[in-house]
mmCIF file of all heavy atoms, coordinates in Angstrom:
data_MODEL
# 
_entry.id   MODEL 
# 
loop_
_atom_site.group_PDB 
_atom_site.id 
_atom_site.type_symbol 
_atom_site.label_atom_id 
_atom_site.label_alt_id 
_atom_site.label_comp_id 
_atom_site.label_asym_id 
_atom_site.label_entity_id 
_atom_site.label_seq_id 
_atom_site.pdbx_PDB_ins_code 
_atom_site.Cartn_x 
_atom_site.Cartn_y 
_atom_site.Cartn_z 
_atom_site.occupancy 
_atom_site.B_iso_or_equiv 
_atom_site.pdbx_formal_charge 
_atom_site.auth_seq_id 
_atom_site.auth_comp_id 
_atom_site.auth_asym_id 
_atom_site.auth_atom_id 
_atom_site.pdbx_PDB_model_num 
ATOM 1   N N   . ARG A 1 1  ? 0.863   -1.194  -0.003 1.00 0.00 ? 1  ARG A N   1 
ATOM 2   C CA  . ARG A 1 1  ? 0.014   0.012   0.001  1.00 0.00 ? 1  ARG A CA  1 
ATOM 3   C C   . ARG A 1 1  ? 0.902   1.243   -0.008 1.00 0.00 ? 1  ARG A C   1 
ATOM 4   O O   . ARG A 1 1  ? 1.559   1.509   1.003  1.00 0.00 ? 1  ARG A O   1 
ATOM 5   C CB  . ARG A 1 1  ? -0.904  0.015   1.211  1.00 0.00 ? 1  ARG A CB  1 
ATOM 6   C CG  . ARG A 1 1  ? -1.925  1.127   1.226  1.00 0.00 ? 1  ARG A CG  1 
ATOM 7   C CD  . ARG A 1 1  ? -2.772  1.092   2.495  1.00 0.00 ? 1  ARG A CD  1 
ATOM 8   N NE  . ARG A 1 1  ? -3.548  -0.142  2.570  1.00 0.00 ? 1  ARG A NE  1 
ATOM 9   C CZ  . ARG A 1 1  ? -4.188  -0.497  3.670  1.00 0.00 ? 1  ARG A CZ  1 
ATOM 10  N NH1 . ARG A 1 1  ? -4.203  0.248   4.771  1.00 0.00 ? 1  ARG A NH1 1 
ATOM 11  N NH2 . ARG A 1 1  ? -4.887  -1.622  3.662  1.00 0.00 ? 1  ARG A NH2 1 
ATOM 12  N N   . GLY A 1 2  ? 0.959   1.891   -1.111 1.00 0.00 ? 2  GLY A N   1 
ATOM 13  C CA  . GLY A 1 2  ? 1.851   3.048   -1.238 1.00 0.00 ? 2  GLY A CA  1 
ATOM 14  C C   . GLY A 1 2  ? 3.312   2.719   -1.080 1.00 0.00 ? 2  GLY A C   1 
ATOM 15  O O   . GLY A 1 2  ? 4.055   3.522   -0.536 1.00 0.00 ? 2  GLY A O   1 
ATOM 16  N N   . GLY A 1 3  ? 3.686   1.494   -1.496 1.00 0.00 ? 3  GLY A N   1 
ATOM 17  C CA  . GLY A 1 3  ? 5.079   1.079   -1.356 1.00 0.00 ? 3  GLY A CA  1 
ATOM 18  C C   . GLY A 1 3  ? 5.472   0.518   0.030  1.00 0.00 ? 3  GLY A C   1 
ATOM 19  O O   . GLY A 1 3  ? 6.584   0.139   0.223  1.00 0.00 ? 3  GLY A O   1 
ATOM 20  N N   . VAL A 1 4  ? 4.432   0.392   0.901  1.00 0.00 ? 4  VAL A N   1 
ATOM 21  C CA  . VAL A 1 4  ? 4.700   -0.137  2.256  1.00 0.00 ? 4  VAL A CA  1 
ATOM 22  C C   . VAL A 1 4  ? 4.059   -1.491  2.334  1.00 0.00 ? 4  VAL A C   1 
ATOM 23  O O   . VAL A 1 4  ? 2.850   -1.615  2.138  1.00 0.00 ? 4  VAL A O   1 
ATOM 24  C CB  . VAL A 1 4  ? 4.129   0.800   3.311  1.00 0.00 ? 4  VAL A CB  1 
ATOM 25  C CG1 . VAL A 1 4  ? 4.337   0.212   4.695  1.00 0.00 ? 4  VAL A CG1 1 
ATOM 26  C CG2 . VAL A 1 4  ? 4.809   2.194   3.199  1.00 0.00 ? 4  VAL A CG2 1 
ATOM 27  N N   . PRO A 1 5  ? 4.761   -2.526  2.755  1.00 0.00 ? 5  PRO A N   1 
ATOM 28  C CA  . PRO A 1 5  ? 4.117   -3.834  2.985  1.00 0.00 ? 5  PRO A CA  1 
ATOM 29  C C   . PRO A 1 5  ? 3.110   -3.816  4.140  1.00 0.00 ? 5  PRO A C   1 
ATOM 30  O O   . PRO A 1 5  ? 3.387   -3.292  5.223  1.00 0.00 ? 5  PRO A O   1 
ATOM 31  C CB  . PRO A 1 5  ? 5.282   -4.781  3.308  1.00 0.00 ? 5  PRO A CB  1 
ATOM 32  C CG  . PRO A 1 5  ? 6.500   -4.095  2.730  1.00 0.00 ? 5  PRO A CG  1 
ATOM 33  C CD  . PRO A 1 5  ? 6.255   -2.609  2.880  1.00 0.00 ? 5  PRO A CD  1 
ATOM 34  N N   . VAL A 1 6  ? 1.947   -4.325  3.864  1.00 0.00 ? 6  VAL A N   1 
ATOM 35  C CA  . VAL A 1 6  ? 0.880   -4.362  4.856  1.00 0.00 ? 6  VAL A CA  1 
ATOM 36  C C   . VAL A 1 6  ? 0.442   -5.853  4.955  1.00 0.00 ? 6  VAL A C   1 
ATOM 37  O O   . VAL A 1 6  ? 0.188   -6.520  3.936  1.00 0.00 ? 6  VAL A O   1 
ATOM 38  C CB  . VAL A 1 6  ? -0.297  -3.473  4.511  1.00 0.00 ? 6  VAL A CB  1 
ATOM 39  C CG1 . VAL A 1 6  ? -1.468  -3.671  5.411  1.00 0.00 ? 6  VAL A CG1 1 
ATOM 40  C CG2 . VAL A 1 6  ? 0.132   -1.993  4.488  1.00 0.00 ? 6  VAL A CG2 1 
ATOM 41  N N   . GLY A 1 7  ? 0.304   -6.302  6.157  1.00 0.00 ? 7  GLY A N   1 
ATOM 42  C CA  . GLY A 1 7  ? -0.170  -7.702  6.388  1.00 0.00 ? 7  GLY A CA  1 
ATOM 43  C C   . GLY A 1 7  ? -1.619  -7.708  6.792  1.00 0.00 ? 7  GLY A C   1 
ATOM 44  O O   . GLY A 1 7  ? -2.005  -7.035  7.748  1.00 0.00 ? 7  GLY A O   1 
ATOM 45  N N   . VAL A 1 8  ? -2.420  -8.457  6.048  1.00 0.00 ? 8  VAL A N   1 
ATOM 46  C CA  . VAL A 1 8  ? -3.845  -8.563  6.353  1.00 0.00 ? 8  VAL A CA  1 
ATOM 47  C C   . VAL A 1 8  ? -4.140  -10.037 6.702  1.00 0.00 ? 8  VAL A C   1 
ATOM 48  O O   . VAL A 1 8  ? -3.763  -10.924 6.000  1.00 0.00 ? 8  VAL A O   1 
ATOM 49  C CB  . VAL A 1 8  ? -4.659  -8.148  5.108  1.00 0.00 ? 8  VAL A CB  1 
ATOM 50  C CG1 . VAL A 1 8  ? -6.178  -8.211  5.467  1.00 0.00 ? 8  VAL A CG1 1 
ATOM 51  C CG2 . VAL A 1 8  ? -4.290  -6.790  4.639  1.00 0.00 ? 8  VAL A CG2 1 
ATOM 52  N N   . SER A 1 9  ? -4.825  -10.243 7.844  1.00 0.00 ? 9  SER A N   1 
ATOM 53  C CA  . SER A 1 9  ? -5.076  -11.563 8.303  1.00 0.00 ? 9  SER A CA  1 
ATOM 54  C C   . SER A 1 9  ? -6.498  -11.655 8.880  1.00 0.00 ? 9  SER A C   1 
ATOM 55  O O   . SER A 1 9  ? -7.069  -10.648 9.287  1.00 0.00 ? 9  SER A O   1 
ATOM 56  C CB  . SER A 1 9  ? -4.073  -12.054 9.376  1.00 0.00 ? 9  SER A CB  1 
ATOM 57  O OG  . SER A 1 9  ? -4.215  -11.239 10.565 1.00 0.00 ? 9  SER A OG  1 
ATOM 58  N N   . THR A 1 10 ? -7.032  -12.879 8.870  1.00 0.00 ? 10 THR A N   1 
ATOM 59  C CA  . THR A 1 10 ? -8.352  -13.127 9.453  1.00 0.00 ? 10 THR A CA  1 
ATOM 60  C C   . THR A 1 10 ? -8.192  -14.272 10.480 1.00 0.00 ? 10 THR A C   1 
ATOM 61  O O   . THR A 1 10 ? -7.780  -15.374 10.133 1.00 0.00 ? 10 THR A O   1 
ATOM 62  C CB  . THR A 1 10 ? -9.375  -13.549 8.416  1.00 0.00 ? 10 THR A CB  1 
ATOM 63  O OG1 . THR A 1 10 ? -9.491  -12.534 7.449  1.00 0.00 ? 10 THR A OG1 1 
ATOM 64  C CG2 . THR A 1 10 ? -10.736 -13.772 9.071  1.00 0.00 ? 10 THR A CG2 1 
ATOM 65  N N   . VAL A 1 11 ? -8.438  -13.922 11.731 1.00 0.00 ? 11 VAL A N   1 
ATOM 66  C CA  . VAL A 1 11 ? -8.306  -14.905 12.850 1.00 0.00 ? 11 VAL A CA  1 
ATOM 67  C C   . VAL A 1 11 ? -9.508  -14.740 13.772 1.00 0.00 ? 11 VAL A C   1 
ATOM 68  O O   . VAL A 1 11 ? -9.858  -13.606 14.179 1.00 0.00 ? 11 VAL A O   1 
ATOM 69  C CB  . VAL A 1 11 ? -7.037  -14.696 13.684 1.00 0.00 ? 11 VAL A CB  1 
ATOM 70  C CG1 . VAL A 1 11 ? -6.928  -15.683 14.822 1.00 0.00 ? 11 VAL A CG1 1 
ATOM 71  C CG2 . VAL A 1 11 ? -5.808  -14.860 12.721 1.00 0.00 ? 11 VAL A CG2 1 
ATOM 72  N N   . ASN A 1 12 ? -10.186 -15.860 14.074 1.00 0.00 ? 12 ASN A N   1 
ATOM 73  C CA  . ASN A 1 12 ? -11.381 -15.841 14.900 1.00 0.00 ? 12 ASN A CA  1 
ATOM 74  C C   . ASN A 1 12 ? -12.438 -14.888 14.355 1.00 0.00 ? 12 ASN A C   1 
ATOM 75  O O   . ASN A 1 12 ? -13.114 -14.214 15.114 1.00 0.00 ? 12 ASN A O   1 
ATOM 76  C CB  . ASN A 1 12 ? -11.045 -15.506 16.347 1.00 0.00 ? 12 ASN A CB  1 
ATOM 77  C CG  . ASN A 1 12 ? -10.134 -16.509 16.997 1.00 0.00 ? 12 ASN A CG  1 
ATOM 78  O OD1 . ASN A 1 12 ? -10.227 -17.695 16.721 1.00 0.00 ? 12 ASN A OD1 1 
ATOM 79  N ND2 . ASN A 1 12 ? -9.275  -16.137 17.924 1.00 0.00 ? 12 ASN A ND2 1 
ATOM 80  N N   . GLY A 1 13 ? -12.563 -14.886 13.030 1.00 0.00 ? 13 GLY A N   1 
ATOM 81  C CA  . GLY A 1 13 ? -13.580 -14.087 12.395 1.00 0.00 ? 13 GLY A CA  1 
ATOM 82  C C   . GLY A 1 13 ? -13.300 -12.616 12.315 1.00 0.00 ? 13 GLY A C   1 
ATOM 83  O O   . GLY A 1 13 ? -14.101 -11.852 11.732 1.00 0.00 ? 13 GLY A O   1 
ATOM 84  N N   . ARG A 1 14 ? -12.135 -12.184 12.784 1.00 0.00 ? 14 ARG A N   1 
ATOM 85  C CA  . ARG A 1 14 ? -11.773 -10.748 12.708 1.00 0.00 ? 14 ARG A CA  1 
ATOM 86  C C   . ARG A 1 14 ? -10.641 -10.552 11.752 1.00 0.00 ? 14 ARG A C   1 
ATOM 87  O O   . ARG A 1 14 ? -9.626  -11.198 11.842 1.00 0.00 ? 14 ARG A O   1 
ATOM 88  C CB  . ARG A 1 14 ? -11.422 -10.259 14.107 1.00 0.00 ? 14 ARG A CB  1 
ATOM 89  C CG  . ARG A 1 14 ? -11.171 -8.730  14.092 1.00 0.00 ? 14 ARG A CG  1 
ATOM 90  C CD  . ARG A 1 14 ? -10.931 -8.249  15.508 1.00 0.00 ? 14 ARG A CD  1 
ATOM 91  N NE  . ARG A 1 14 ? -10.665 -6.815  15.548 1.00 0.00 ? 14 ARG A NE  1 
ATOM 92  C CZ  . ARG A 1 14 ? -10.405 -6.109  16.623 1.00 0.00 ? 14 ARG A CZ  1 
ATOM 93  N NH1 . ARG A 1 14 ? -10.360 -6.731  17.812 1.00 0.00 ? 14 ARG A NH1 1 
ATOM 94  N NH2 . ARG A 1 14 ? -10.164 -4.802  16.546 1.00 0.00 ? 14 ARG A NH2 1 
ATOM 95  N N   . THR A 1 15 ? -10.835 -9.598  10.866 1.00 0.00 ? 15 THR A N   1 
ATOM 96  C CA  . THR A 1 15 ? -9.774  -9.231  9.876  1.00 0.00 ? 15 THR A CA  1 
ATOM 97  C C   . THR A 1 15 ? -9.054  -7.987  10.360 1.00 0.00 ? 15 THR A C   1 
ATOM 98  O O   . THR A 1 15 ? -9.668  -6.987  10.659 1.00 0.00 ? 15 THR A O   1 
ATOM 99  C CB  . THR A 1 15 ? -10.352 -9.020  8.462  1.00 0.00 ? 15 THR A CB  1 
ATOM 100 O OG1 . THR A 1 15 ? -11.062 -10.243 8.065  1.00 0.00 ? 15 THR A OG1 1 
ATOM 101 C CG2 . THR A 1 15 ? -9.294  -8.708  7.482  1.00 0.00 ? 15 THR A CG2 1 
ATOM 102 N N   . ARG A 1 16 ? -7.719  -8.097  10.336 1.00 0.00 ? 16 ARG A N   1 
ATOM 103 C CA  . ARG A 1 16 ? -6.922  -6.977  10.819 1.00 0.00 ? 16 ARG A CA  1 
ATOM 104 C C   . ARG A 1 16 ? -5.790  -6.672  9.756  1.00 0.00 ? 16 ARG A C   1 
ATOM 105 O O   . ARG A 1 16 ? -5.412  -7.569  9.050  1.00 0.00 ? 16 ARG A O   1 
ATOM 106 C CB  . ARG A 1 16 ? -6.202  -7.318  12.176 1.00 0.00 ? 16 ARG A CB  1 
ATOM 107 C CG  . ARG A 1 16 ? -7.162  -7.617  13.301 1.00 0.00 ? 16 ARG A CG  1 
ATOM 108 C CD  . ARG A 1 16 ? -6.326  -7.999  14.500 1.00 0.00 ? 16 ARG A CD  1 
ATOM 109 N NE  . ARG A 1 16 ? -7.067  -8.270  15.704 1.00 0.00 ? 16 ARG A NE  1 
ATOM 110 C CZ  . ARG A 1 16 ? -7.544  -9.425  16.044 1.00 0.00 ? 16 ARG A CZ  1 
ATOM 111 N NH1 . ARG A 1 16 ? -7.398  -10.480 15.210 1.00 0.00 ? 16 ARG A NH1 1 
ATOM 112 N NH2 . ARG A 1 16 ? -8.206  -9.638  17.141 1.00 0.00 ? 16 ARG A NH2 1 
ATOM 113 N N   . ALA A 1 17 ? -5.301  -5.468  9.818  1.00 0.00 ? 17 ALA A N   1 
ATOM 114 C CA  . ALA A 1 17 ? -4.197  -5.069  8.955  1.00 0.00 ? 17 ALA A CA  1 
ATOM 115 C C   . ALA A 1 17 ? -3.119  -4.403  9.819  1.00 0.00 ? 17 ALA A C   1 
ATOM 116 O O   . ALA A 1 17 ? -3.446  -3.588  10.664 1.00 0.00 ? 17 ALA A O   1 
ATOM 117 C CB  . ALA A 1 17 ? -4.663  -4.125  7.862  1.00 0.00 ? 17 ALA A CB  1 
ATOM 118 N N   . VAL A 1 18 ? -1.874  -4.838  9.607  1.00 0.00 ? 18 VAL A N   1 
ATOM 119 C CA  . VAL A 1 18 ? -0.743  -4.238  10.326 1.00 0.00 ? 18 VAL A CA  1 
ATOM 120 C C   . VAL A 1 18 ? 0.374   -3.913  9.340  1.00 0.00 ? 18 VAL A C   1 
ATOM 121 O O   . VAL A 1 18 ? 0.364   -4.459  8.207  1.00 0.00 ? 18 VAL A O   1 
ATOM 122 C CB  . VAL A 1 18 ? -0.218  -5.244  11.382 1.00 0.00 ? 18 VAL A CB  1 
ATOM 123 C CG1 . VAL A 1 18 ? -1.244  -5.483  12.449 1.00 0.00 ? 18 VAL A CG1 1 
ATOM 124 C CG2 . VAL A 1 18 ? 0.250   -6.537  10.745 1.00 0.00 ? 18 VAL A CG2 1 
ATOM 125 N N   . ARG A 1 19 ? 1.251   -3.048  9.696  1.00 0.00 ? 19 ARG A N   1 
ATOM 126 C CA  . ARG A 1 19 ? 2.418   -2.795  8.885  1.00 0.00 ? 19 ARG A CA  1 
ATOM 127 C C   . ARG A 1 19 ? 3.347   -4.013  8.957  1.00 0.00 ? 19 ARG A C   1 
ATOM 128 O O   . ARG A 1 19 ? 3.837   -4.372  10.032 1.00 0.00 ? 19 ARG A O   1 
ATOM 129 C CB  . ARG A 1 19 ? 3.161   -1.544  9.395  1.00 0.00 ? 19 ARG A CB  1 
ATOM 130 C CG  . ARG A 1 19 ? 4.379   -1.148  8.555  1.00 0.00 ? 19 ARG A CG  1 
ATOM 131 C CD  . ARG A 1 19 ? 5.098   0.046   9.186  1.00 0.00 ? 19 ARG A CD  1 
ATOM 132 N NE  . ARG A 1 19 ? 6.331   0.334   8.539  1.00 0.00 ? 19 ARG A NE  1 
ATOM 133 C CZ  . ARG A 1 19 ? 6.481   1.256   7.548  1.00 0.00 ? 19 ARG A CZ  1 
ATOM 134 N NH1 . ARG A 1 19 ? 5.406   1.957   7.153  1.00 0.00 ? 19 ARG A NH1 1 
ATOM 135 N NH2 . ARG A 1 19 ? 7.636   1.497   6.986  1.00 0.00 ? 19 ARG A NH2 1 
ATOM 136 N N   . ALA A 1 20 ? 3.516   -4.672  7.861  1.00 0.00 ? 20 ALA A N   1 
ATOM 137 C CA  . ALA A 1 20 ? 4.228   -6.000  7.836  1.00 0.00 ? 20 ALA A CA  1 
ATOM 138 C C   . ALA A 1 20 ? 5.724   -5.854  7.685  1.00 0.00 ? 20 ALA A C   1 
ATOM 139 O O   . ALA A 1 20 ? 6.367   -6.554  6.881  1.00 0.00 ? 20 ALA A O   1 
ATOM 140 C CB  . ALA A 1 20 ? 3.641   -6.924  6.762  1.00 0.00 ? 20 ALA A CB  1 
ATOM 141 N N   . VAL A 1 21 ? 6.299   -4.894  8.443  1.00 0.00 ? 21 VAL A N   1 
ATOM 142 C CA  . VAL A 1 21 ? 7.737   -4.662  8.377  1.00 0.00 ? 21 VAL A CA  1 
ATOM 143 C C   . VAL A 1 21 ? 8.250   -4.796  9.826  1.00 0.00 ? 21 VAL A C   1 
ATOM 144 O O   . VAL A 1 21 ? 7.819   -4.072  10.702 1.00 0.00 ? 21 VAL A O   1 
ATOM 145 C CB  . VAL A 1 21 ? 8.034   -3.257  7.862  1.00 0.00 ? 21 VAL A CB  1 
ATOM 146 C CG1 . VAL A 1 21 ? 9.534   -3.030  7.821  1.00 0.00 ? 21 VAL A CG1 1 
ATOM 147 C CG2 . VAL A 1 21 ? 7.488   -3.107  6.450  1.00 0.00 ? 21 VAL A CG2 1 
ATOM 148 N N   . CYS A 1 22 ? 9.203   -5.729  10.036 1.00 0.00 ? 22 CYS A N   1 
ATOM 149 C CA  . CYS A 1 22 ? 9.749   -5.929  11.347 1.00 0.00 ? 22 CYS A CA  1 
ATOM 150 C C   . CYS A 1 22 ? 10.455  -4.654  11.889 1.00 0.00 ? 22 CYS A C   1 
ATOM 151 O O   . CYS A 1 22 ? 11.323  -4.130  11.163 1.00 0.00 ? 22 CYS A O   1 
ATOM 152 C CB  . CYS A 1 22 ? 10.729  -7.078  11.355 1.00 0.00 ? 22 CYS A CB  1 
ATOM 153 S SG  . CYS A 1 22 ? 11.378  -7.465  12.969 1.00 0.00 ? 22 CYS A SG  1 
ATOM 154 N N   . PRO A 1 23 ? 10.091  -4.174  13.056 1.00 0.00 ? 23 PRO A N   1 
ATOM 155 C CA  . PRO A 1 23 ? 10.717  -2.961  13.556 1.00 0.00 ? 23 PRO A CA  1 
ATOM 156 C C   . PRO A 1 23 ? 12.146  -3.169  14.005 1.00 0.00 ? 23 PRO A C   1 
ATOM 157 O O   . PRO A 1 23 ? 12.844  -2.178  14.316 1.00 0.00 ? 23 PRO A O   1 
ATOM 158 C CB  . PRO A 1 23 ? 9.836   -2.602  14.795 1.00 0.00 ? 23 PRO A CB  1 
ATOM 159 C CG  . PRO A 1 23 ? 9.175   -3.864  15.164 1.00 0.00 ? 23 PRO A CG  1 
ATOM 160 C CD  . PRO A 1 23 ? 9.033   -4.654  13.882 1.00 0.00 ? 23 PRO A CD  1 
ATOM 161 N N   . HIS A 1 24 ? 12.680  -4.410  13.903 1.00 0.00 ? 24 HIS A N   1 
ATOM 162 C CA  . HIS A 1 24 ? 14.068  -4.600  14.259 1.00 0.00 ? 24 HIS A CA  1 
ATOM 163 C C   . HIS A 1 24 ? 15.011  -4.111  13.195 1.00 0.00 ? 24 HIS A C   1 
ATOM 164 O O   . HIS A 1 24 ? 15.721  -3.108  13.387 1.00 0.00 ? 24 HIS A O   1 
ATOM 165 C CB  . HIS A 1 24 ? 14.323  -6.109  14.519 1.00 0.00 ? 24 HIS A CB  1 
ATOM 166 C CG  . HIS A 1 24 ? 15.733  -6.467  14.848 1.00 0.00 ? 24 HIS A CG  1 
ATOM 167 N ND1 . HIS A 1 24 ? 16.430  -7.481  14.229 1.00 0.00 ? 24 HIS A ND1 1 
ATOM 168 C CD2 . HIS A 1 24 ? 16.668  -5.896  15.672 1.00 0.00 ? 24 HIS A CD2 1 
ATOM 169 C CE1 . HIS A 1 24 ? 17.703  -7.585  14.631 1.00 0.00 ? 24 HIS A CE1 1 
ATOM 170 N NE2 . HIS A 1 24 ? 17.837  -6.598  15.539 1.00 0.00 ? 24 HIS A NE2 1 
ATOM 171 N N   . LEU A 1 25 ? 14.962  -4.795  11.978 1.00 0.00 ? 25 LEU A N   1 
ATOM 172 C CA  . LEU A 1 25 ? 15.832  -4.345  10.904 1.00 0.00 ? 25 LEU A CA  1 
ATOM 173 C C   . LEU A 1 25 ? 15.125  -4.268  9.533  1.00 0.00 ? 25 LEU A C   1 
ATOM 174 O O   . LEU A 1 25 ? 15.731  -4.311  8.497  1.00 0.00 ? 25 LEU A O   1 
ATOM 175 C CB  . LEU A 1 25 ? 17.044  -5.296  10.765 1.00 0.00 ? 25 LEU A CB  1 
ATOM 176 C CG  . LEU A 1 25 ? 18.122  -5.205  11.859 1.00 0.00 ? 25 LEU A CG  1 
ATOM 177 C CD1 . LEU A 1 25 ? 19.206  -6.194  11.579 1.00 0.00 ? 25 LEU A CD1 1 
ATOM 178 C CD2 . LEU A 1 25 ? 18.660  -3.798  12.034 1.00 0.00 ? 25 LEU A CD2 1 
ATOM 179 N N   . GLY A 1 26 ? 13.792  -4.147  9.632  1.00 0.00 ? 26 GLY A N   1 
ATOM 180 C CA  . GLY A 1 26 ? 13.047  -3.901  8.393  1.00 0.00 ? 26 GLY A CA  1 
ATOM 181 C C   . GLY A 1 26 ? 12.728  -5.079  7.510  1.00 0.00 ? 26 GLY A C   1 
ATOM 182 O O   . GLY A 1 26 ? 12.392  -4.857  6.337  1.00 0.00 ? 26 GLY A O   1 
# 
């Protein structure tokens, strides 16, 4: 999304989106 990896998942019926870049070293 706009050049930024985004992780989208569905667990227990709920869909969430997070920035899929590890804050350690990217």
